[in-house]
Amino acid sequence: MSPEWLLDDSGRPVADALVLSHPEQMERLRAVCPEAAPTAVLAGDPCWDRMLAARPYRERYRRALGVGRAQRLVVLNSTWNPESLFGDGPAGGDDVLPSLLPRLTSELPVDEYRLAAVLHPNIWYGHGPGQIRAWLDRARRAGLTLVDPLHGWRQALLAADAVIGDHGSVTYYAAALGTPVLLGAAPLAGLAPDAPVHAFVRTAPRLDPALPLRPQLTRLIDTHSPSPTPAAFTSSVPGESATRLRRLFYGMIGIPEPDAPALLEPLPLPPFEPAAHTVPLRVLTRLLGSAEVSVVRYAGPHPAPDSTGESHTAVHDDTREQDQLSLADVVFRHGAADDPRFGSPALWTTEVLARHPRCALAVYVTGPGACTARTADGTLLLLRAEPPSDADPGACASALHAWLAFGKSLHEAVAQGLTVHTGGAVHRVRVALG
């Protein structure tokens, strides 16, 4: 709110009405540009009101992103600025986000964390969608979802368990929702010293890139105590923006308002977009007890921070790292059971084992919680997680591989099933001969 943005060359306001969401903004406007103060209208924030109305549907948005009940969704957010999370860094240094992503995908187990990124529309416009996707290609193949910058970011914020952001408005909205926020970039130079967002950026927890990332996220989420301040300053009239804005617009046009109440469009339910892991996965397994297996999967590219248990490699059939298929212990893919391109799950698993002699288990995931697997000796199996489990069938298949690699009996697994532990979740998995 400075004169060069609000006044024309003759010193008159460029806008007939300047919509503000809080009286605090009016006070700052009067102080920095009194000429524009008469145009100010307190009309709330329709974006905030839509988010407030959509809060009851948080679980739907989480399911749309494929977030399991025991998973934590971490949303990375960057505004459009050289010092933002996806910017040039201090004094022209490295971008924070591209250097952060390989560490996040390496340190956070894929069955315990889900990653999504919200990038300012100007980032997409300035560099082009193809360049953005190319820069973030490896992270996307490791499970990162790029959220639609216009139509999906609000839903992602509502679904998030934590946000790693910067000084942009999306980060402030996250704090207003009560979501734990960790600042990966926190420049103060472009913020008005007396603005609420300045106080927020100055005091919010900071990401320390020199330390392991997972403990920082765990501590942030477990110790978080929401502050009422961001929500209070986001809008002083929550829920009233539609009414106030329509009154303003019709008054400026000079015609009567309709009799019907003014309503905002509800936030749409995004398309189903679960994580896709097509990079080779390092899988660590431990036998916990009778038919109980712990599975921890990492998407790299750096070495996993945990080295506990036996290790094997699981590789997606469509991986870009085709050379890794010949080294994989488990080869898997996702698809409909009746997809004619693969013949059938039984045929595809047979072909995979013939093509990759080192492979011990070929796995065709046919739907949530279900897959068809074939062992190296040709035995066809059907695996299904018992409801209400939302287990990734790939993790269940890795548990079966580990069970057999430990020298345990397949007949025992068929007779009593497996109990698969992934982080804090426990899944009962039925194993049947195909």
Protein backbone atom coordinates (compact mmCIF):
# COMPACT_ATOMS: atom_id res chain seq x y z
CA MET A 1 0.00 0.00 0.00
CA SER A 2 2.31 2.69 -1.28
CA PRO A 3 1.55 5.78 -3.41
CA GLU A 4 3.35 4.49 -6.52
CA TRP A 5 0.86 1.61 -6.67
CA LEU A 6 -2.27 3.48 -5.60
CA LEU A 7 -2.03 6.91 -7.30
CA ASP A 8 -1.76 7.96 -10.95
CA ASP A 9 0.70 10.53 -12.28
CA SER A 10 -1.56 13.38 -11.19
CA GLY A 11 -1.81 12.07 -7.62
CA ARG A 12 -5.35 10.74 -7.86
CA PRO A 13 -6.41 7.21 -6.80
CA VAL A 14 -6.25 4.71 -9.66
CA ALA A 15 -9.12 2.66 -8.15
CA ASP A 16 -12.69 3.71 -7.45
CA ALA A 17 -12.80 1.26 -4.54
CA LEU A 18 -9.94 -0.37 -2.68
CA VAL A 19 -11.22 -3.49 -0.92
CA LEU A 20 -9.62 -4.23 2.45
CA SER A 21 -10.26 -7.09 4.82
CA HIS A 22 -9.37 -5.53 8.19
CA PRO A 23 -9.45 -2.04 9.81
CA GLU A 24 -5.71 -2.42 10.51
CA GLN A 25 -5.16 -2.09 6.76
CA MET A 26 -7.18 1.12 6.70
CA GLU A 27 -5.00 2.59 9.41
CA ARG A 28 -1.86 1.79 7.45
CA LEU A 29 -3.43 3.16 4.25
CA ARG A 30 -4.22 6.48 5.93
CA ALA A 31 -0.63 6.66 7.19
CA VAL A 32 1.18 5.83 3.94
CA CYS A 33 -1.23 7.14 1.28
CA PRO A 34 -3.98 9.36 2.69
CA GLU A 35 -5.06 10.38 -0.83
CA ALA A 36 -6.36 6.85 -1.43
CA ALA A 37 -8.02 6.44 1.97
CA PRO A 38 -11.48 7.70 0.81
CA THR A 39 -11.68 4.79 -1.66
CA ALA A 40 -11.16 2.13 1.03
CA VAL A 41 -14.01 -0.31 1.68
CA LEU A 42 -14.00 -2.93 4.42
CA ALA A 43 -15.40 -5.99 2.65
CA GLY A 44 -13.63 -9.03 4.10
CA ASP A 45 -11.85 -11.77 2.16
CA PRO A 46 -13.83 -14.12 -0.13
CA CYS A 47 -10.86 -16.49 -0.44
CA TRP A 48 -10.73 -16.89 3.33
CA ASP A 49 -14.50 -17.29 3.56
CA ARG A 50 -14.44 -20.12 1.01
CA MET A 51 -11.76 -21.89 3.04
CA LEU A 52 -13.72 -21.47 6.26
CA ALA A 53 -16.81 -22.93 4.61
CA ALA A 54 -14.79 -25.90 3.29
CA ARG A 55 -13.11 -26.87 6.57
CA PRO A 56 -15.63 -29.66 7.33
CA TYR A 57 -14.49 -31.42 4.12
CA ARG A 58 -10.82 -31.70 5.06
CA GLU A 59 -10.83 -35.50 4.93
CA ARG A 60 -12.21 -35.43 1.39
CA TYR A 61 -9.35 -33.22 0.26
CA ARG A 62 -6.86 -35.51 1.96
CA ARG A 63 -8.33 -38.55 0.23
CA ALA A 64 -8.20 -36.69 -3.10
CA LEU A 65 -4.44 -36.33 -2.60
CA GLY A 66 -4.13 -39.97 -1.61
CA VAL A 67 -3.16 -39.14 1.97
CA GLY A 68 -3.52 -42.17 4.24
CA ARG A 69 -4.99 -41.91 7.71
CA ALA A 70 -1.60 -42.44 9.31
CA GLN A 71 0.24 -40.18 6.86
CA ARG A 72 1.25 -36.57 7.33
CA LEU A 73 0.78 -34.21 4.40
CA VAL A 74 3.54 -31.63 4.06
CA VAL A 75 2.73 -28.77 1.68
CA LEU A 76 5.60 -26.70 0.33
CA ASN A 77 4.61 -23.20 -0.70
CA SER A 78 6.47 -20.47 -2.53
CA THR A 79 5.48 -16.97 -3.53
CA TRP A 80 6.91 -15.04 -6.51
CA ASN A 81 10.06 -13.29 -5.33
CA PRO A 82 13.84 -13.71 -5.73
CA GLU A 83 14.06 -14.43 -2.00
CA SER A 84 11.10 -16.81 -1.84
CA LEU A 85 11.28 -20.55 -1.25
CA PHE A 86 11.48 -21.06 -5.03
CA GLY A 87 13.65 -18.02 -5.72
CA ASP A 88 17.29 -17.09 -6.11
CA GLY A 89 18.06 -17.25 -2.41
CA PRO A 90 19.90 -14.60 -0.38
CA ALA A 91 22.46 -12.64 -2.38
CA GLY A 92 21.78 -14.74 -5.48
CA GLY A 93 22.39 -18.07 -3.76
CA ASP A 94 20.82 -21.39 -4.59
CA ASP A 95 17.05 -21.87 -4.69
CA VAL A 96 15.84 -23.27 -1.40
CA LEU A 97 13.07 -25.54 -2.71
CA PRO A 98 15.03 -27.49 -5.37
CA SER A 99 17.80 -28.21 -2.90
CA LEU A 100 15.28 -29.08 -0.18
CA LEU A 101 13.22 -31.58 -2.18
CA PRO A 102 15.89 -34.31 -2.60
CA ARG A 103 16.43 -34.26 1.15
CA LEU A 104 12.73 -34.46 1.92
CA THR A 105 12.19 -37.41 -0.41
CA SER A 106 15.29 -39.09 1.05
CA GLU A 107 14.53 -38.51 4.73
CA LEU A 108 10.74 -38.94 4.88
CA PRO A 109 9.39 -42.50 4.46
CA VAL A 110 6.88 -42.62 1.61
CA ASP A 111 4.27 -44.51 3.65
CA GLU A 112 4.39 -41.95 6.46
CA TYR A 113 4.60 -38.65 4.57
CA ARG A 114 2.93 -37.18 1.51
CA LEU A 115 4.47 -34.17 -0.27
CA ALA A 116 2.70 -31.49 -2.33
CA ALA A 117 3.90 -28.14 -3.65
CA VAL A 118 1.93 -24.92 -4.20
CA LEU A 119 3.82 -22.49 -6.44
CA HIS A 120 2.62 -18.96 -7.12
CA PRO A 121 0.92 -18.59 -10.54
CA ASN A 122 3.60 -16.10 -11.61
CA ILE A 123 6.24 -18.82 -11.17
CA TRP A 124 4.33 -20.98 -13.65
CA TYR A 125 3.82 -18.02 -15.97
CA GLY A 126 7.35 -16.69 -15.71
CA HIS A 127 9.15 -19.98 -16.38
CA GLY A 128 6.47 -22.02 -18.16
CA PRO A 129 4.83 -25.28 -17.01
CA GLY A 130 7.29 -27.43 -18.94
CA GLN A 131 10.29 -25.86 -17.25
CA ILE A 132 8.75 -26.13 -13.78
CA ARG A 133 7.95 -29.81 -14.30
CA ALA A 134 11.43 -30.43 -15.67
CA TRP A 135 13.09 -28.76 -12.69
CA LEU A 136 10.98 -30.78 -10.26
CA ASP A 137 10.91 -33.99 -12.31
CA ARG A 138 12.82 -36.20 -9.89
CA ALA A 139 10.78 -35.05 -6.91
CA ARG A 140 7.55 -35.69 -8.82
CA ARG A 141 8.66 -39.24 -9.62
CA ALA A 142 9.46 -39.62 -5.92
CA GLY A 143 5.87 -38.77 -4.97
CA LEU A 144 5.61 -34.95 -5.01
CA THR A 145 2.34 -33.54 -6.36
CA LEU A 146 2.30 -30.12 -8.02
CA VAL A 147 -0.96 -28.53 -6.93
CA ASP A 148 -3.01 -26.47 -9.37
CA PRO A 149 -1.97 -22.87 -8.53
CA LEU A 150 -5.43 -21.43 -9.16
CA HIS A 151 -7.98 -24.09 -8.25
CA GLY A 152 -6.33 -26.51 -5.83
CA TRP A 153 -4.12 -24.65 -3.38
CA ARG A 154 -6.85 -23.83 -0.85
CA GLN A 155 -7.87 -27.48 -0.64
CA ALA A 156 -4.23 -28.51 -0.20
CA LEU A 157 -3.87 -26.06 2.70
CA LEU A 158 -6.99 -27.44 4.35
CA ALA A 159 -5.62 -30.97 3.98
CA ALA A 160 -2.11 -30.18 5.22
CA ASP A 161 -0.55 -31.32 8.48
CA ALA A 162 2.35 -28.90 8.06
CA VAL A 163 3.43 -26.18 5.63
CA ILE A 164 6.98 -25.27 4.68
CA GLY A 165 6.72 -21.79 3.20
CA ASP A 166 7.97 -18.25 3.00
CA HIS A 167 6.63 -14.71 3.44
CA GLY A 168 3.81 -15.11 0.91
CA SER A 169 0.09 -14.87 1.58
CA VAL A 170 -0.50 -18.63 1.17
CA THR A 171 1.81 -19.30 4.12
CA TYR A 172 -0.08 -16.71 6.15
CA TYR A 173 -3.41 -18.35 5.22
CA ALA A 174 -1.98 -21.65 6.48
CA ALA A 175 -1.10 -20.05 9.81
CA ALA A 176 -4.58 -18.51 9.94
CA LEU A 177 -6.06 -21.99 9.53
CA GLY A 178 -4.02 -23.10 12.54
CA THR A 179 -1.70 -25.30 10.48
CA PRO A 180 1.89 -25.64 11.75
CA VAL A 181 4.20 -23.53 9.57
CA LEU A 182 7.97 -23.77 9.14
CA LEU A 183 9.63 -20.93 7.21
CA GLY A 184 12.21 -22.06 4.68
CA ALA A 185 12.70 -18.49 3.46
CA ALA A 186 11.83 -15.46 5.55
CA PRO A 187 12.87 -12.11 4.02
CA LEU A 188 11.54 -9.05 5.81
CA ALA A 189 12.77 -6.31 3.47
CA GLY A 190 9.66 -6.23 1.27
CA LEU A 191 7.16 -6.26 4.15
CA ALA A 192 5.75 -3.21 5.91
CA PRO A 193 7.28 -3.19 9.42
CA ASP A 194 3.89 -2.55 11.03
CA ALA A 195 2.01 -5.19 9.03
CA PRO A 196 0.79 -8.37 10.79
CA VAL A 197 2.58 -10.53 8.23
CA HIS A 198 5.88 -8.85 9.20
CA ALA A 199 5.37 -9.88 12.82
CA PHE A 200 4.45 -13.40 11.70
CA VAL A 201 7.55 -13.85 9.51
CA ARG A 202 9.75 -12.39 12.23
CA THR A 203 8.56 -14.83 14.90
CA ALA A 204 7.49 -18.03 13.06
CA PRO A 205 9.64 -21.19 13.43
CA ARG A 206 12.51 -21.48 10.96
CA LEU A 207 13.65 -24.48 8.96
CA ASP A 208 17.33 -25.18 9.65
CA PRO A 209 18.79 -26.73 6.47
CA ALA A 210 21.90 -27.83 8.37
CA LEU A 211 19.88 -30.25 10.55
CA PRO A 212 17.91 -33.41 9.68
CA LEU A 213 14.49 -32.45 8.36
CA ARG A 214 12.21 -35.12 9.81
CA PRO A 215 12.90 -34.27 13.48
CA GLN A 216 12.18 -30.63 12.70
CA LEU A 217 8.81 -31.50 11.15
CA THR A 218 7.95 -33.90 13.97
CA ARG A 219 8.77 -31.31 16.60
CA LEU A 220 6.83 -28.62 14.70
CA ILE A 221 3.67 -30.73 14.46
CA ASP A 222 3.81 -32.28 17.93
CA THR A 223 4.47 -29.01 19.80
CA HIS A 224 2.35 -26.69 17.68
CA SER A 225 0.02 -24.32 19.49
CA PRO A 226 -2.07 -22.29 17.00
CA SER A 227 -2.02 -18.53 17.40
CA PRO A 228 -5.33 -16.69 16.90
CA THR A 229 -3.55 -13.63 15.50
CA PRO A 230 -3.23 -14.60 11.80
CA ALA A 231 -6.91 -15.54 11.56
CA ALA A 232 -7.94 -12.35 13.34
CA PHE A 233 -6.01 -10.18 10.89
CA THR A 234 -7.00 -12.15 7.77
CA SER A 235 -10.54 -10.82 7.98
CA SER A 236 -12.39 -8.79 10.58
CA VAL A 237 -15.72 -9.81 9.02
CA PRO A 238 -15.39 -13.56 8.32
CA GLY A 239 -18.29 -14.99 6.36
CA GLU A 240 -19.51 -11.56 5.19
CA SER A 241 -17.42 -10.95 2.08
CA ALA A 242 -20.03 -12.08 -0.46
CA THR A 243 -22.69 -9.79 1.01
CA ARG A 244 -20.38 -6.79 1.33
CA LEU A 245 -18.75 -7.17 -2.07
CA ARG A 246 -22.05 -7.55 -3.91
CA ARG A 247 -23.41 -4.48 -2.14
CA LEU A 248 -20.30 -2.56 -3.22
CA PHE A 249 -20.46 -3.73 -6.85
CA TYR A 250 -24.14 -3.04 -7.34
CA GLY A 251 -23.76 0.34 -5.68
CA MET A 252 -20.97 1.26 -8.09
CA ILE A 253 -23.07 0.10 -11.04
CA GLY A 254 -26.03 2.05 -9.67
CA ILE A 255 -28.69 -0.67 -9.78
CA PRO A 256 -30.56 -2.47 -6.97
CA GLU A 257 -29.18 -5.72 -5.58
CA PRO A 258 -31.04 -8.99 -6.20
CA ASP A 259 -33.29 -10.16 -3.40
CA ALA A 260 -31.55 -13.53 -3.05
CA PRO A 261 -28.65 -13.78 -0.60
CA ALA A 262 -25.13 -13.32 -1.94
CA LEU A 263 -23.28 -16.66 -1.97
CA LEU A 264 -19.77 -17.79 -2.78
CA GLU A 265 -18.96 -20.78 -4.96
CA PRO A 266 -17.89 -23.73 -2.74
CA LEU A 267 -14.38 -25.04 -3.19
CA PRO A 268 -14.50 -27.92 -5.69
CA LEU A 269 -13.30 -31.40 -4.80
CA PRO A 270 -10.01 -31.89 -6.66
CA PRO A 271 -9.46 -34.94 -8.87
CA PHE A 272 -8.01 -38.03 -7.23
CA GLU A 273 -4.24 -37.68 -7.43
CA PRO A 274 -2.37 -40.16 -5.22
CA ALA A 275 1.38 -40.20 -4.95
CA ALA A 276 3.17 -41.90 -7.83
CA HIS A 277 6.55 -43.42 -6.96
CA THR A 278 8.36 -44.38 -10.14
CA VAL A 279 11.88 -43.87 -8.79
CA PRO A 280 13.53 -46.99 -7.31
CA LEU A 281 12.49 -47.44 -3.69
CA ARG A 282 14.84 -48.62 -0.97
CA VAL A 283 12.82 -50.82 1.36
CA LEU A 284 13.89 -51.65 4.90
CA THR A 285 12.10 -54.53 6.61
CA ARG A 286 12.17 -56.18 10.02
CA LEU A 287 10.45 -59.30 11.29
CA LEU A 288 8.60 -58.22 14.43
CA GLY A 289 6.87 -61.42 15.47
CA SER A 290 4.65 -64.16 14.21
CA ALA A 291 3.71 -63.08 10.67
CA GLU A 292 4.42 -59.43 11.53
CA VAL A 293 6.67 -57.36 9.28
CA SER A 294 7.77 -53.72 9.55
CA VAL A 295 8.17 -51.91 6.20
CA VAL A 296 9.87 -48.54 5.72
CA ARG A 297 10.27 -47.26 2.15
CA TYR A 298 12.43 -44.36 0.96
CA ALA A 299 12.46 -42.64 -2.43
CA GLY A 300 16.00 -41.19 -2.27
CA PRO A 301 18.13 -39.99 -4.02
CA HIS A 302 20.29 -39.64 -0.91
CA PRO A 303 20.98 -42.57 1.44
CA ALA A 304 18.12 -43.30 3.82
CA PRO A 305 18.67 -42.02 7.36
CA ASP A 306 17.48 -45.35 8.73
CA SER A 307 19.48 -48.51 8.09
CA THR A 308 17.64 -50.78 10.52
CA GLY A 309 16.62 -54.16 9.11
CA GLU A 310 17.07 -56.03 5.88
CA SER A 311 17.12 -54.04 2.66
CA HIS A 312 15.67 -54.69 -0.77
CA THR A 313 14.85 -52.63 -3.85
CA ALA A 314 11.37 -52.18 -5.32
CA VAL A 315 11.13 -50.63 -8.77
CA HIS A 316 8.12 -49.46 -10.76
CA ASP A 317 7.78 -51.06 -14.19
CA ASP A 318 7.59 -47.56 -15.75
CA THR A 319 10.66 -46.21 -13.98
CA ARG A 320 12.93 -43.90 -15.91
CA GLU A 321 15.87 -45.70 -14.31
CA GLN A 322 15.42 -48.73 -16.55
CA ASP A 323 18.83 -50.13 -15.62
CA GLN A 324 17.53 -50.66 -12.08
CA LEU A 325 14.86 -53.12 -13.20
CA SER A 326 17.43 -55.84 -13.73
CA LEU A 327 18.62 -55.31 -10.13
CA ALA A 328 15.19 -55.09 -8.50
CA ASP A 329 14.00 -57.58 -5.93
CA VAL A 330 10.40 -56.47 -6.44
CA VAL A 331 8.99 -55.07 -9.70
CA PHE A 332 5.52 -53.52 -9.53
CA ARG A 333 3.03 -51.49 -11.48
CA HIS A 334 -0.50 -50.11 -11.11
CA GLY A 335 -3.37 -50.77 -13.49
CA ALA A 336 -6.84 -52.11 -14.05
CA ALA A 337 -7.10 -55.87 -13.89
CA ASP A 338 -8.78 -55.93 -17.32
CA ASP A 339 -6.33 -53.58 -19.09
CA PRO A 340 -5.83 -55.35 -22.47
CA ARG A 341 -2.37 -53.84 -22.89
CA PHE A 342 -1.02 -56.08 -20.13
CA GLY A 343 -3.17 -59.11 -20.87
CA SER A 344 -3.98 -59.77 -17.23
CA PRO A 345 -2.19 -59.50 -13.88
CA ALA A 346 -1.30 -63.20 -14.18
CA LEU A 347 0.20 -62.74 -17.64
CA TRP A 348 2.05 -59.53 -16.77
CA THR A 349 3.67 -61.05 -13.67
CA THR A 350 4.79 -64.05 -15.74
CA GLU A 351 6.36 -61.79 -18.36
CA VAL A 352 8.14 -59.65 -15.75
CA LEU A 353 9.76 -62.65 -14.09
CA ALA A 354 10.88 -63.98 -17.47
CA ARG A 355 12.30 -60.58 -18.42
CA HIS A 356 14.07 -59.98 -15.09
CA PRO A 357 15.52 -63.25 -13.75
CA ARG A 358 16.87 -61.57 -10.60
CA CYS A 359 13.38 -60.40 -9.59
CA ALA A 360 11.91 -62.34 -6.67
CA LEU A 361 8.38 -60.93 -6.77
CA ALA A 362 6.33 -59.32 -9.55
CA VAL A 363 3.40 -57.24 -8.28
CA TYR A 364 0.42 -55.89 -10.23
CA VAL A 365 -1.57 -53.41 -8.11
CA THR A 366 -5.20 -53.55 -9.19
CA GLY A 367 -6.80 -51.15 -6.76
CA PRO A 368 -6.76 -49.72 -3.22
CA GLY A 369 -5.41 -52.37 -0.88
CA ALA A 370 -5.26 -55.13 -3.49
CA CYS A 371 -2.64 -56.63 -5.78
CA THR A 372 -1.69 -59.78 -7.64
CA ALA A 373 1.83 -61.11 -7.02
CA ARG A 374 3.88 -63.93 -8.47
CA THR A 375 6.94 -65.40 -6.75
CA ALA A 376 10.11 -66.45 -8.56
CA ASP A 377 8.99 -70.09 -8.53
CA GLY A 378 5.80 -69.15 -10.39
CA THR A 379 3.30 -69.20 -7.51
CA LEU A 380 0.49 -66.72 -8.12
CA LEU A 381 -0.91 -64.93 -5.05
CA LEU A 382 -3.65 -62.46 -4.28
CA LEU A 383 -2.99 -59.90 -1.52
CA ARG A 384 -5.70 -57.78 0.01
CA ALA A 385 -5.54 -55.47 3.01
CA GLU A 386 -8.50 -55.96 5.30
CA PRO A 387 -10.77 -52.91 5.64
CA PRO A 388 -10.67 -50.26 6.93
CA SER A 389 -6.98 -50.33 5.97
CA ASP A 390 -5.71 -47.84 3.39
CA ALA A 391 -2.36 -49.61 3.01
CA ASP A 392 -0.36 -49.22 -0.18
CA PRO A 393 -0.39 -52.68 -1.80
CA GLY A 394 3.24 -52.10 -2.77
CA ALA A 395 4.19 -51.97 0.90
CA CYS A 396 2.21 -55.16 1.55
CA ALA A 397 4.01 -56.89 -1.31
CA SER A 398 7.38 -55.82 0.10
CA ALA A 399 6.33 -57.30 3.43
CA LEU A 400 5.56 -60.59 1.70
CA HIS A 401 8.92 -60.52 -0.07
CA ALA A 402 10.66 -59.88 3.26
CA TRP A 403 8.72 -62.70 4.92
CA LEU A 404 9.89 -65.15 2.29
CA ALA A 405 13.44 -63.73 2.29
CA PHE A 406 13.58 -64.36 6.04
CA GLY A 407 13.06 -68.04 5.20
CA LYS A 408 9.47 -68.13 6.39
CA SER A 409 6.81 -70.39 4.93
CA LEU A 410 4.50 -69.17 2.18
CA HIS A 411 1.87 -71.65 3.40
CA GLU A 412 1.99 -70.00 6.83
CA ALA A 413 1.39 -66.58 5.25
CA VAL A 414 -1.55 -68.00 3.29
CA ALA A 415 -2.97 -69.69 6.37
CA GLN A 416 -2.82 -66.77 8.78
CA GLY A 417 -2.09 -63.70 6.68
CA LEU A 418 0.47 -60.98 7.43
CA THR A 419 0.44 -58.00 9.74
CA VAL A 420 2.25 -55.11 8.09
CA HIS A 421 3.55 -52.13 10.06
CA THR A 422 4.19 -48.88 8.17
CA GLY A 423 5.06 -46.09 10.56
CA GLY A 424 2.21 -45.74 13.02
CA ALA A 425 -0.22 -47.80 10.92
CA VAL A 426 -0.89 -51.52 11.27
CA HIS A 427 -2.51 -53.41 8.38
CA ARG A 428 -3.89 -56.93 8.30
CA VAL A 429 -3.21 -58.46 4.89
CA ARG A 430 -4.83 -61.62 3.56
CA VAL A 431 -2.69 -63.78 1.28
CA ALA A 432 -4.45 -66.26 -1.00
CA LEU A 433 -3.26 -68.59 -3.72
CA GLY A 434 -4.25 -67.26 -7.14
